[in-house]
Amino acid sequence: MNPSDLSQTGWGVLFAYDEDPKVIEALRPLLDHRKQQTGDRLYYEYASDEGWQADEDKYAFLVRKQIYLHGQVDPRRRRTTF
């Protein structure tokens, strides 16, 4: 896997659950560009209810999303609850 090739490695963005929609909209050109680079199947965007909650640390977020990191990460095997 080439770590410089987003179509192989994927890309994601994590927003706070209460992020101002204007911030997300301002980033939309970049987000759409990254989504295109990943071929759409390895692009992950977490916002609103799917985003980071105020009382979570990184481990609580990963558990809530059922994302378990053991050894080498395979972006095709992301597990989520949605």
PDB file of N, CA and C in Angstrom:
ATOM      1  N   MET A   1       0.836  -1.169   0.000  1.00  0.00           N
ATOM      2  CA  MET A   1       0.000   0.000   0.000  1.00  0.00           C
ATOM      3  C   MET A   1       0.887   1.240   0.000  1.00  0.00           C
ATOM      4  N   ASN A   2       0.580   2.158  -0.877  1.00  0.00           N
ATOM      5  CA  ASN A   2       1.327   3.405  -0.974  1.00  0.00           C
ATOM      6  C   ASN A   2       0.699   4.432  -0.027  1.00  0.00           C
ATOM      7  N   PRO A   3       1.395   4.846   1.037  1.00  0.00           N
ATOM      8  CA  PRO A   3       0.812   5.780   1.998  1.00  0.00           C
ATOM      9  C   PRO A   3       0.516   7.163   1.425  1.00  0.00           C
ATOM     10  N   SER A   4       1.038   7.475   0.255  1.00  0.00           N
ATOM     11  CA  SER A   4       0.766   8.765  -0.381  1.00  0.00           C
ATOM     12  C   SER A   4      -0.440   8.734  -1.309  1.00  0.00           C
ATOM     13  N   ASP A   5      -1.010   7.562  -1.511  1.00  0.00           N
ATOM     14  CA  ASP A   5      -2.135   7.396  -2.436  1.00  0.00           C
ATOM     15  C   ASP A   5      -3.432   7.255  -1.636  1.00  0.00           C
ATOM     16  N   LEU A   6      -4.231   8.317  -1.612  1.00  0.00           N
ATOM     17  CA  LEU A   6      -5.459   8.303  -0.810  1.00  0.00           C
ATOM     18  C   LEU A   6      -6.478   7.280  -1.301  1.00  0.00           C
ATOM     19  N   SER A   7      -6.376   6.862  -2.557  1.00  0.00           N
ATOM     20  CA  SER A   7      -7.301   5.824  -3.033  1.00  0.00           C
ATOM     21  C   SER A   7      -6.988   4.475  -2.383  1.00  0.00           C
ATOM     22  N   GLN A   8      -5.802   4.357  -1.780  1.00  0.00           N
ATOM     23  CA  GLN A   8      -5.429   3.136  -1.069  1.00  0.00           C
ATOM     24  C   GLN A   8      -5.541   3.304   0.448  1.00  0.00           C
ATOM     25  N   THR A   9      -5.187   4.482   0.949  1.00  0.00           N
ATOM     26  CA  THR A   9      -5.142   4.678   2.401  1.00  0.00           C
ATOM     27  C   THR A   9      -6.413   5.258   2.992  1.00  0.00           C
ATOM     28  N   GLY A  10      -7.173   5.992   2.186  1.00  0.00           N
ATOM     29  CA  GLY A  10      -8.379   6.630   2.684  1.00  0.00           C
ATOM     30  C   GLY A  10      -8.097   7.963   3.355  1.00  0.00           C
ATOM     31  N   TRP A  11      -9.162   8.611   3.763  1.00  0.00           N
ATOM     32  CA  TRP A  11      -9.048   9.921   4.404  1.00  0.00           C
ATOM     33  C   TRP A  11     -10.315  10.177   5.190  1.00  0.00           C
ATOM     34  N   GLY A  12     -10.182  10.829   6.312  1.00  0.00           N
ATOM     35  CA  GLY A  12     -11.358  11.137   7.116  1.00  0.00           C
ATOM     36  C   GLY A  12     -11.203  12.435   7.858  1.00  0.00           C
ATOM     37  N   VAL A  13     -12.340  12.952   8.279  1.00  0.00           N
ATOM     38  CA  VAL A  13     -12.367  14.194   9.050  1.00  0.00           C
ATOM     39  C   VAL A  13     -13.351  14.012  10.204  1.00  0.00           C
ATOM     40  N   LEU A  14     -12.969  14.543  11.344  1.00  0.00           N
ATOM     41  CA  LEU A  14     -13.776  14.439  12.555  1.00  0.00           C
ATOM     42  C   LEU A  14     -14.097  15.834  13.055  1.00  0.00           C
ATOM     43  N   PHE A  15     -15.388  16.149  13.110  1.00  0.00           N
ATOM     44  CA  PHE A  15     -15.846  17.424  13.635  1.00  0.00           C
ATOM     45  C   PHE A  15     -16.486  17.194  14.998  1.00  0.00           C
ATOM     46  N   ALA A  16     -16.506  18.231  15.804  1.00  0.00           N
ATOM     47  CA  ALA A  16     -17.258  18.175  17.056  1.00  0.00           C
ATOM     48  C   ALA A  16     -18.747  18.090  16.718  1.00  0.00           C
ATOM     49  N   TYR A  17     -19.507  17.447  17.591  1.00  0.00           N
ATOM     50  CA  TYR A  17     -20.940  17.262  17.353  1.00  0.00           C
ATOM     51  C   TYR A  17     -21.662  18.599  17.158  1.00  0.00           C
ATOM     52  N   ASP A  18     -21.162  19.665  17.760  1.00  0.00           N
ATOM     53  CA  ASP A  18     -21.823  20.963  17.679  1.00  0.00           C
ATOM     54  C   ASP A  18     -21.063  21.961  16.796  1.00  0.00           C
ATOM     55  N   GLU A  19     -20.276  21.444  15.871  1.00  0.00           N
ATOM     56  CA  GLU A  19     -19.507  22.317  14.979  1.00  0.00           C
ATOM     57  C   GLU A  19     -20.453  23.218  14.193  1.00  0.00           C
ATOM     58  N   ASP A  20     -20.072  24.450  14.056  1.00  0.00           N
ATOM     59  CA  ASP A  20     -20.865  25.404  13.286  1.00  0.00           C
ATOM     60  C   ASP A  20     -20.927  24.929  11.836  1.00  0.00           C
ATOM     61  N   PRO A  21     -22.123  24.753  11.284  1.00  0.00           N
ATOM     62  CA  PRO A  21     -22.241  24.303   9.886  1.00  0.00           C
ATOM     63  C   PRO A  21     -21.496  25.201   8.897  1.00  0.00           C
ATOM     64  N   LYS A  22     -21.283  26.456   9.254  1.00  0.00           N
ATOM     65  CA  LYS A  22     -20.540  27.362   8.368  1.00  0.00           C
ATOM     66  C   LYS A  22     -19.085  26.924   8.234  1.00  0.00           C
ATOM     67  N   VAL A  23     -18.523  26.359   9.292  1.00  0.00           N
ATOM     68  CA  VAL A  23     -17.146  25.863   9.237  1.00  0.00           C
ATOM     69  C   VAL A  23     -17.062  24.682   8.278  1.00  0.00           C
ATOM     70  N   ILE A  24     -18.001  23.764   8.406  1.00  0.00           N
ATOM     71  CA  ILE A  24     -18.016  22.586   7.529  1.00  0.00           C
ATOM     72  C   ILE A  24     -18.228  23.019   6.082  1.00  0.00           C
ATOM     73  N   GLU A  25     -19.136  23.957   5.871  1.00  0.00           N
ATOM     74  CA  GLU A  25     -19.400  24.439   4.517  1.00  0.00           C
ATOM     75  C   GLU A  25     -18.171  25.138   3.936  1.00  0.00           C
ATOM     76  N   ALA A  26     -17.441  25.875   4.760  1.00  0.00           N
ATOM     77  CA  ALA A  26     -16.212  26.539   4.289  1.00  0.00           C
ATOM     78  C   ALA A  26     -15.163  25.519   3.866  1.00  0.00           C
ATOM     79  N   LEU A  27     -15.171  24.362   4.522  1.00  0.00           N
ATOM     80  CA  LEU A  27     -14.211  23.305   4.186  1.00  0.00           C
ATOM     81  C   LEU A  27     -14.710  22.380   3.071  1.00  0.00           C
ATOM     82  N   ARG A  28     -15.956  22.549   2.624  1.00  0.00           N
ATOM     83  CA  ARG A  28     -16.549  21.641   1.645  1.00  0.00           C
ATOM     84  C   ARG A  28     -15.697  21.443   0.404  1.00  0.00           C
ATOM     85  N   PRO A  29     -15.074  22.481  -0.190  1.00  0.00           N
ATOM     86  CA  PRO A  29     -14.224  22.224  -1.368  1.00  0.00           C
ATOM     87  C   PRO A  29     -13.102  21.225  -1.069  1.00  0.00           C
ATOM     88  N   LEU A  30     -12.434  21.367   0.073  1.00  0.00           N
ATOM     89  CA  LEU A  30     -11.383  20.419   0.449  1.00  0.00           C
ATOM     90  C   LEU A  30     -11.979  19.037   0.701  1.00  0.00           C
ATOM     91  N   LEU A  31     -13.091  18.970   1.425  1.00  0.00           N
ATOM     92  CA  LEU A  31     -13.713  17.682   1.730  1.00  0.00           C
ATOM     93  C   LEU A  31     -14.127  16.958   0.452  1.00  0.00           C
ATOM     94  N   ASP A  32     -14.722  17.692  -0.478  1.00  0.00           N
ATOM     95  CA  ASP A  32     -15.122  17.082  -1.752  1.00  0.00           C
ATOM     96  C   ASP A  32     -13.911  16.610  -2.556  1.00  0.00           C
ATOM     97  N   HIS A  33     -12.842  17.397  -2.506  1.00  0.00           N
ATOM     98  CA  HIS A  33     -11.602  17.009  -3.202  1.00  0.00           C
ATOM     99  C   HIS A  33     -11.031  15.719  -2.622  1.00  0.00           C
ATOM    100  N   ARG A  34     -10.975  15.626  -1.287  1.00  0.00           N
ATOM    101  CA  ARG A  34     -10.467  14.409  -0.645  1.00  0.00           C
ATOM    102  C   ARG A  34     -11.371  13.211  -0.950  1.00  0.00           C
ATOM    103  N   LYS A  35     -12.666  13.440  -0.951  1.00  0.00           N
ATOM    104  CA  LYS A  35     -13.605  12.361  -1.266  1.00  0.00           C
ATOM    105  C   LYS A  35     -13.366  11.837  -2.679  1.00  0.00           C
ATOM    106  N   GLN A  36     -13.100  12.740  -3.598  1.00  0.00           N
ATOM    107  CA  GLN A  36     -12.801  12.340  -4.973  1.00  0.00           C
ATOM    108  C   GLN A  36     -11.481  11.568  -5.036  1.00  0.00           C
ATOM    109  N   GLN A  37     -10.482  11.996  -4.284  1.00  0.00           N
ATOM    110  CA  GLN A  37      -9.182  11.330  -4.289  1.00  0.00           C
ATOM    111  C   GLN A  37      -9.257   9.907  -3.725  1.00  0.00           C
ATOM    112  N   THR A  38     -10.164   9.666  -2.803  1.00  0.00           N
ATOM    113  CA  THR A  38     -10.266   8.339  -2.203  1.00  0.00           C
ATOM    114  C   THR A  38     -11.124   7.396  -3.034  1.00  0.00           C
ATOM    115  N   GLY A  39     -11.715   7.919  -4.095  1.00  0.00           N
ATOM    116  CA  GLY A  39     -12.606   7.080  -4.878  1.00  0.00           C
ATOM    117  C   GLY A  39     -13.935   6.888  -4.149  1.00  0.00           C
ATOM    118  N   ASP A  40     -14.233   7.734  -3.178  1.00  0.00           N
ATOM    119  CA  ASP A  40     -15.489   7.767  -2.443  1.00  0.00           C
ATOM    120  C   ASP A  40     -15.664   6.635  -1.435  1.00  0.00           C
ATOM    121  N   ARG A  41     -15.022   5.509  -1.623  1.00  0.00           N
ATOM    122  CA  ARG A  41     -15.274   4.364  -0.739  1.00  0.00           C
ATOM    123  C   ARG A  41     -14.442   4.377   0.535  1.00  0.00           C
ATOM    124  N   LEU A  42     -13.369   5.136   0.566  1.00  0.00           N
ATOM    125  CA  LEU A  42     -12.512   5.202   1.744  1.00  0.00           C
ATOM    126  C   LEU A  42     -12.502   6.603   2.350  1.00  0.00           C
ATOM    127  N   TYR A  43     -13.599   7.326   2.176  1.00  0.00           N
ATOM    128  CA  TYR A  43     -13.735   8.673   2.723  1.00  0.00           C
ATOM    129  C   TYR A  43     -14.722   8.608   3.881  1.00  0.00           C
ATOM    130  N   TYR A  44     -14.330   9.189   5.017  1.00  0.00           N
ATOM    131  CA  TYR A  44     -15.184   9.160   6.199  1.00  0.00           C
ATOM    132  C   TYR A  44     -15.306  10.557   6.775  1.00  0.00           C
ATOM    133  N   GLU A  45     -16.534  10.976   6.991  1.00  0.00           N
ATOM    134  CA  GLU A  45     -16.807  12.284   7.560  1.00  0.00           C
ATOM    135  C   GLU A  45     -17.709  12.096   8.779  1.00  0.00           C
ATOM    136  N   TYR A  46     -17.212  12.508   9.924  1.00  0.00           N
ATOM    137  CA  TYR A  46     -17.964  12.392  11.171  1.00  0.00           C
ATOM    138  C   TYR A  46     -18.351  13.790  11.628  1.00  0.00           C
ATOM    139  N   ALA A  47     -19.649  14.062  11.680  1.00  0.00           N
ATOM    140  CA  ALA A  47     -20.156  15.363  12.118  1.00  0.00           C
ATOM    141  C   ALA A  47     -21.506  15.135  12.797  1.00  0.00           C
ATOM    142  N   SER A  48     -22.026  16.166  13.439  1.00  0.00           N
ATOM    143  CA  SER A  48     -23.307  16.098  14.157  1.00  0.00           C
ATOM    144  C   SER A  48     -23.285  14.942  15.140  1.00  0.00           C
ATOM    145  N   ASP A  49     -24.299  14.084  15.117  1.00  0.00           N
ATOM    146  CA  ASP A  49     -24.371  12.962  16.062  1.00  0.00           C
ATOM    147  C   ASP A  49     -23.232  11.966  15.881  1.00  0.00           C
ATOM    148  N   GLU A  50     -22.656  11.908  14.695  1.00  0.00           N
ATOM    149  CA  GLU A  50     -21.544  10.991  14.431  1.00  0.00           C
ATOM    150  C   GLU A  50     -20.204  11.577  14.857  1.00  0.00           C
ATOM    151  N   GLY A  51     -20.184  12.873  15.140  1.00  0.00           N
ATOM    152  CA  GLY A  51     -18.945  13.555  15.486  1.00  0.00           C
ATOM    153  C   GLY A  51     -18.520  13.344  16.927  1.00  0.00           C
ATOM    154  N   TRP A  52     -17.436  14.011  17.270  1.00  0.00           N
ATOM    155  CA  TRP A  52     -16.866  13.917  18.613  1.00  0.00           C
ATOM    156  C   TRP A  52     -17.815  14.562  19.616  1.00  0.00           C
ATOM    157  N   GLN A  53     -18.103  13.877  20.697  1.00  0.00           N
ATOM    158  CA  GLN A  53     -18.970  14.378  21.761  1.00  0.00           C
ATOM    159  C   GLN A  53     -18.111  15.035  22.840  1.00  0.00           C
ATOM    160  N   ALA A  54     -18.654  16.033  23.504  1.00  0.00           N
ATOM    161  CA  ALA A  54     -17.898  16.838  24.466  1.00  0.00           C
ATOM    162  C   ALA A  54     -17.296  16.015  25.598  1.00  0.00           C
ATOM    163  N   ASP A  55     -17.933  14.932  25.996  1.00  0.00           N
ATOM    164  CA  ASP A  55     -17.446  14.149  27.130  1.00  0.00           C
ATOM    165  C   ASP A  55     -16.541  12.988  26.725  1.00  0.00           C
ATOM    166  N   GLU A  56     -16.147  12.917  25.457  1.00  0.00           N
ATOM    167  CA  GLU A  56     -15.359  11.784  24.974  1.00  0.00           C
ATOM    168  C   GLU A  56     -13.872  12.102  24.893  1.00  0.00           C
ATOM    169  N   ASP A  57     -13.066  11.095  25.199  1.00  0.00           N
ATOM    170  CA  ASP A  57     -11.671  11.159  24.807  1.00  0.00           C
ATOM    171  C   ASP A  57     -11.565  10.324  23.531  1.00  0.00           C
ATOM    172  N   LYS A  58     -10.366  10.198  22.992  1.00  0.00           N
ATOM    173  CA  LYS A  58     -10.237   9.493  21.713  1.00  0.00           C
ATOM    174  C   LYS A  58     -10.641   8.026  21.821  1.00  0.00           C
ATOM    175  N   TYR A  59     -10.377   7.414  22.960  1.00  0.00           N
ATOM    176  CA  TYR A  59     -10.720   6.007  23.123  1.00  0.00           C
ATOM    177  C   TYR A  59     -12.231   5.800  23.181  1.00  0.00           C
ATOM    178  N   ALA A  60     -12.925   6.702  23.874  1.00  0.00           N
ATOM    179  CA  ALA A  60     -14.389   6.605  23.955  1.00  0.00           C
ATOM    180  C   ALA A  60     -15.009   6.800  22.575  1.00  0.00           C
ATOM    181  N   PHE A  61     -14.455   7.719  21.785  1.00  0.00           N
ATOM    182  CA  PHE A  61     -14.964   7.920  20.424  1.00  0.00           C
ATOM    183  C   PHE A  61     -14.799   6.647  19.599  1.00  0.00           C
ATOM    184  N   LEU A  62     -13.600   6.070  19.636  1.00  0.00           N
ATOM    185  CA  LEU A  62     -13.338   4.865  18.851  1.00  0.00           C
ATOM    186  C   LEU A  62     -14.237   3.706  19.274  1.00  0.00           C
ATOM    187  N   VAL A  63     -14.461   3.558  20.550  1.00  0.00           N
ATOM    188  CA  VAL A  63     -15.348   2.487  21.033  1.00  0.00           C
ATOM    189  C   VAL A  63     -16.772   2.740  20.556  1.00  0.00           C
ATOM    190  N   ARG A  64     -17.240   3.984  20.687  1.00  0.00           N
ATOM    191  CA  ARG A  64     -18.606   4.305  20.254  1.00  0.00           C
ATOM    192  C   ARG A  64     -18.796   4.019  18.772  1.00  0.00           C
ATOM    193  N   LYS A  65     -17.782   4.287  17.973  1.00  0.00           N
ATOM    194  CA  LYS A  65     -17.861   4.048  16.530  1.00  0.00           C
ATOM    195  C   LYS A  65     -17.494   2.616  16.157  1.00  0.00           C
ATOM    196  N   GLN A  66     -17.165   1.811  17.147  1.00  0.00           N
ATOM    197  CA  GLN A  66     -16.743   0.421  16.939  1.00  0.00           C
ATOM    198  C   GLN A  66     -15.554   0.343  15.986  1.00  0.00           C
ATOM    199  N   ILE A  67     -14.585   1.205  16.233  1.00  0.00           N
ATOM    200  CA  ILE A  67     -13.345   1.217  15.468  1.00  0.00           C
ATOM    201  C   ILE A  67     -12.260   0.692  16.400  1.00  0.00           C
ATOM    202  N   TYR A  68     -11.726  -0.446  16.064  1.00  0.00           N
ATOM    203  CA  TYR A  68     -10.735  -1.086  16.915  1.00  0.00           C
ATOM    204  C   TYR A  68      -9.400  -1.119  16.184  1.00  0.00           C
ATOM    205  N   LEU A  69      -8.385  -0.583  16.800  1.00  0.00           N
ATOM    206  CA  LEU A  69      -7.075  -0.484  16.175  1.00  0.00           C
ATOM    207  C   LEU A  69      -6.144  -1.514  16.782  1.00  0.00           C
ATOM    208  N   HIS A  70      -5.922  -2.574  16.055  1.00  0.00           N
ATOM    209  CA  HIS A  70      -5.009  -3.636  16.474  1.00  0.00           C
ATOM    210  C   HIS A  70      -4.036  -3.880  15.339  1.00  0.00           C
ATOM    211  N   GLY A  71      -2.781  -3.626  15.588  1.00  0.00           N
ATOM    212  CA  GLY A  71      -1.780  -3.852  14.552  1.00  0.00           C
ATOM    213  C   GLY A  71      -1.938  -2.863  13.412  1.00  0.00           C
ATOM    214  N   GLN A  72      -1.649  -3.320  12.205  1.00  0.00           N
ATOM    215  CA  GLN A  72      -1.718  -2.473  11.026  1.00  0.00           C
ATOM    216  C   GLN A  72      -3.172  -2.183  10.669  1.00  0.00           C
ATOM    217  N   VAL A  73      -3.471  -0.933  10.383  1.00  0.00           N
ATOM    218  CA  VAL A  73      -4.828  -0.517  10.053  1.00  0.00           C
ATOM    219  C   VAL A  73      -5.116  -0.816   8.588  1.00  0.00           C
ATOM    220  N   ASP A  74      -6.261  -1.425   8.328  1.00  0.00           N
ATOM    221  CA  ASP A  74      -6.732  -1.662   6.972  1.00  0.00           C
ATOM    222  C   ASP A  74      -7.946  -0.766   6.761  1.00  0.00           C
ATOM    223  N   PRO A  75      -7.829   0.307   5.953  1.00  0.00           N
ATOM    224  CA  PRO A  75      -8.933   1.261   5.812  1.00  0.00           C
ATOM    225  C   PRO A  75     -10.194   0.653   5.221  1.00  0.00           C
ATOM    226  N   ARG A  76     -10.098  -0.482   4.576  1.00  0.00           N
ATOM    227  CA  ARG A  76     -11.287  -1.135   4.006  1.00  0.00           C
ATOM    228  C   ARG A  76     -12.110  -1.834   5.066  1.00  0.00           C
ATOM    229  N   ARG A  77     -11.557  -2.001   6.277  1.00  0.00           N
ATOM    230  CA  ARG A  77     -12.240  -2.757   7.319  1.00  0.00           C
ATOM    231  C   ARG A  77     -12.761  -1.865   8.436  1.00  0.00           C
ATOM    232  N   ARG A  78     -13.063  -0.626   8.134  1.00  0.00           N
ATOM    233  CA  ARG A  78     -13.620   0.288   9.133  1.00  0.00           C
ATOM    234  C   ARG A  78     -14.976  -0.245   9.562  1.00  0.00           C
ATOM    235  N   ARG A  79     -15.189  -0.309  10.871  1.00  0.00           N
ATOM    236  CA  ARG A  79     -16.485  -0.731  11.394  1.00  0.00           C
ATOM    237  C   ARG A  79     -17.145   0.459  12.058  1.00  0.00           C
ATOM    238  N   THR A  80     -18.379   0.686  11.721  1.00  0.00           N
ATOM    239  CA  THR A  80     -19.117   1.800  12.333  1.00  0.00           C
ATOM    240  C   THR A  80     -20.501   1.322  12.718  1.00  0.00           C
ATOM    241  N   THR A  81     -21.206   2.188  13.417  1.00  0.00           N
ATOM    242  CA  THR A  81     -22.551   1.848  13.841  1.00  0.00           C
ATOM    243  C   THR A  81     -23.615   2.471  12.956  1.00  0.00           C
ATOM    244  N   PHE A  82     -23.225   3.247  11.950  1.00  0.00           N
ATOM    245  CA  PHE A  82     -24.267   3.833  11.133  1.00  0.00           C
ATOM    246  C   PHE A  82     -24.451   3.127   9.851  1.00  0.00           C
TER     247      PHE A  82
END
